[in-house]
């Protein structure tokens, strides 16, 4: 909920943007699309309040024409930096390395045998395999496109 900082009782006019300026006073500026041509002049001071701003608060003019403030809702980056991360648990590297090495050796031998088999096959089968690869590549590309669309929609909603 907003708290009233200064009672000014400003009556708003159409086509003007009312705000709290750097000095803490209420000013107004002509809006670009607020009816009529925007004046090239400086913003006008409507009321002198001398409000001292606090960090982390948003200052605005409420419906009654008074200056009010609200605590800003900050998301993401600042909260993450403030919270301290827990140190990661140490891994047992010696026990895990041995089976991993064996798997890579198996993969290499499997690749070699696959290469030998492809060299022996007839040219007709090769063309069939190429077309099959192209089809799978097209499907994967379509999946990527749909994934991109969903992520952009999610960003737009935020």
Protein backbone atom coordinates (compact mmCIF):
# COMPACT_ATOMS: atom_id res chain seq x y z
CA UNK A 1 0.00 0.00 0.00
CA UNK A 2 1.11 3.54 -0.75
CA UNK A 3 1.80 6.07 1.96
CA UNK A 4 1.11 9.78 1.42
CA UNK A 5 4.28 11.83 1.75
CA UNK A 6 2.94 15.33 0.97
CA UNK A 7 -0.63 16.60 0.56
CA UNK A 8 -0.85 18.83 -2.50
CA UNK A 9 -4.36 18.25 -3.89
CA UNK A 10 -3.37 18.80 -7.53
CA UNK A 11 -6.14 18.87 -10.15
CA UNK A 12 -4.91 17.13 -13.29
CA UNK A 13 -5.47 18.48 -16.79
CA UNK A 14 -5.75 16.38 -19.91
CA UNK A 15 -2.61 16.12 -22.08
CA UNK A 16 -0.12 16.63 -19.24
CA UNK A 17 2.19 14.17 -17.49
CA UNK A 18 2.57 14.82 -13.75
CA UNK A 19 5.62 13.58 -11.85
CA UNK A 20 7.93 14.21 -8.88
CA UNK A 21 11.11 15.86 -10.16
CA UNK A 22 14.69 15.62 -8.85
CA UNK A 23 14.22 18.39 -6.29
CA UNK A 24 11.15 16.63 -4.84
CA UNK A 25 8.60 19.06 -6.29
CA UNK A 26 5.61 18.19 -8.46
CA UNK A 27 6.10 19.10 -12.13
CA UNK A 28 4.22 18.54 -15.32
CA UNK A 29 5.28 18.14 -18.97
CA UNK A 30 3.25 18.09 -22.16
CA UNK A 31 2.59 14.55 -23.39
CA UNK A 32 3.47 13.70 -27.00
CA UNK A 33 0.12 12.00 -27.65
CA UNK A 34 -2.01 13.72 -25.04
CA UNK A 35 -4.13 15.88 -27.29
CA UNK A 36 -2.76 18.69 -29.39
CA UNK A 37 0.81 19.48 -30.34
CA UNK A 38 3.48 19.07 -27.66
CA UNK A 39 5.11 22.35 -26.61
CA UNK A 40 8.87 22.53 -26.88
CA UNK A 41 9.10 24.48 -23.62
CA UNK A 42 10.46 23.30 -20.30
CA UNK A 43 8.34 21.36 -17.80
CA UNK A 44 6.28 23.49 -15.43
CA UNK A 45 6.39 23.32 -11.62
CA UNK A 46 2.92 22.76 -10.24
CA UNK A 47 3.60 22.56 -6.48
CA UNK A 48 6.67 22.90 -4.27
CA UNK A 49 6.88 20.02 -1.81
CA UNK A 50 10.61 19.42 -1.26
CA UNK A 51 10.17 15.67 -0.76
CA UNK A 52 13.39 13.91 0.25
CA UNK A 53 13.62 10.59 -1.59
CA UNK A 54 14.57 7.29 0.00
CA UNK A 55 16.34 4.61 -1.95
CA UNK A 56 14.16 1.66 -2.98
CA UNK A 57 10.91 3.65 -3.11
CA UNK A 58 8.80 4.78 -6.07
CA UNK A 59 7.31 8.28 -5.82
CA UNK A 60 4.15 9.24 -7.74
CA UNK A 61 1.06 11.46 -7.69
CA UNK A 62 -2.01 9.50 -6.57
CA UNK A 63 -5.67 9.92 -7.63
CA UNK A 64 -6.34 12.63 -5.05
CA UNK A 65 -3.37 14.66 -6.29
CA UNK A 66 -1.06 13.95 -3.34
CA UNK A 67 2.56 12.76 -3.49
CA UNK A 68 2.81 9.12 -2.40
CA UNK A 69 5.53 6.48 -2.13
CA UNK A 70 5.59 2.70 -2.50
CA UNK A 71 8.32 0.13 -1.86
CA UNK A 72 9.72 -1.04 -5.23
CA UNK A 73 9.48 -4.68 -6.12
CA UNK A 74 12.83 -5.72 -7.48
CA UNK A 75 13.12 -9.10 -9.16
CA UNK A 76 16.07 -11.33 -9.91
CA UNK A 77 19.63 -10.06 -9.91
CA UNK A 78 19.83 -8.10 -6.66
CA UNK A 79 18.28 -10.81 -4.52
CA UNK A 80 20.56 -13.46 -5.96
CA UNK A 81 23.67 -11.42 -5.25
CA UNK A 82 22.61 -10.73 -1.68
CA UNK A 83 21.96 -14.37 -0.82
CA UNK A 84 25.08 -16.38 -0.17
CA UNK A 85 25.56 -19.63 -2.04
CA UNK A 86 26.32 -22.81 -0.21
CA UNK A 87 29.66 -24.44 -1.01
CA UNK A 88 29.30 -27.41 -3.36
CA UNK A 89 29.95 -30.88 -1.98
CA UNK A 90 33.23 -32.42 -3.08
CA UNK A 91 33.11 -35.29 -5.51
CA UNK A 92 34.85 -38.59 -5.29
CA UNK A 93 36.86 -38.25 -8.46
CA UNK A 94 39.01 -41.37 -8.21
CA UNK A 95 36.07 -43.78 -8.05
CA UNK A 96 34.18 -42.20 -10.95
CA UNK A 97 37.02 -41.82 -13.42
CA UNK A 98 37.74 -45.48 -14.03
CA UNK A 99 34.35 -46.51 -15.50
CA UNK A 100 34.19 -43.33 -17.58
CA UNK A 101 37.45 -44.19 -19.31
CA UNK A 102 36.18 -47.64 -20.15
CA UNK A 103 33.03 -46.21 -21.73
CA UNK A 104 34.98 -43.86 -24.00
CA UNK A 105 37.20 -46.74 -25.10
CA UNK A 106 34.09 -48.77 -25.94
CA UNK A 107 32.61 -45.88 -27.90
CA UNK A 108 35.78 -45.50 -29.95
CA UNK A 109 35.80 -49.17 -30.90
CA UNK A 110 32.11 -48.99 -31.81
CA UNK A 111 32.79 -46.00 -34.07
CA UNK A 112 35.61 -47.82 -35.83
CA UNK A 113 33.46 -50.85 -36.54
CA UNK A 114 30.64 -48.63 -37.80
CA UNK A 115 33.03 -46.90 -40.21
CA UNK A 116 34.22 -50.21 -41.58
CA UNK A 117 30.63 -51.36 -42.13
CA UNK A 118 29.67 -48.18 -44.00
CA UNK A 119 32.66 -48.59 -46.32
CA UNK A 120 31.46 -52.08 -47.32
CA UNK A 121 27.82 -51.09 -48.07
CA UNK A 122 26.48 -50.53 -51.58
CA UNK A 123 25.94 -46.99 -52.98
CA UNK A 124 22.13 -47.38 -53.09
CA UNK A 125 21.96 -47.85 -49.34
CA UNK A 126 24.11 -44.75 -48.84
CA UNK A 127 21.62 -42.54 -50.69
CA UNK A 128 18.77 -43.99 -48.65
CA UNK A 129 20.67 -43.18 -45.48
CA UNK A 130 21.32 -39.61 -46.68
CA UNK A 131 17.64 -38.95 -47.29
CA UNK A 132 16.81 -40.39 -43.87
CA UNK A 133 19.36 -38.05 -42.28
CA UNK A 134 17.86 -35.06 -44.10
CA UNK A 135 14.39 -35.93 -42.86
CA UNK A 136 15.56 -36.18 -39.25
CA UNK A 137 17.42 -32.89 -39.62
CA UNK A 138 14.24 -31.19 -40.89
CA UNK A 139 12.26 -32.55 -37.96
CA UNK A 140 14.89 -31.32 -35.52
CA UNK A 141 14.83 -27.88 -37.15
CA UNK A 142 11.04 -27.73 -36.81
CA UNK A 143 11.33 -28.62 -33.13
CA UNK A 144 13.88 -25.83 -32.62
CA UNK A 145 11.56 -23.31 -34.27
CA UNK A 146 8.64 -24.24 -32.03
CA UNK A 147 10.91 -24.05 -28.98
CA UNK A 148 12.03 -20.54 -30.03
CA UNK A 149 8.43 -19.44 -30.49
CA UNK A 150 7.45 -20.62 -27.02
CA UNK A 151 10.41 -18.89 -25.36
CA UNK A 152 9.67 -15.60 -27.12
CA UNK A 153 6.02 -15.85 -26.07
CA UNK A 154 7.06 -16.44 -22.47
CA UNK A 155 9.36 -13.40 -22.57
CA UNK A 156 6.57 -11.26 -24.02
CA UNK A 157 4.21 -12.31 -21.23
CA UNK A 158 6.67 -11.19 -18.55
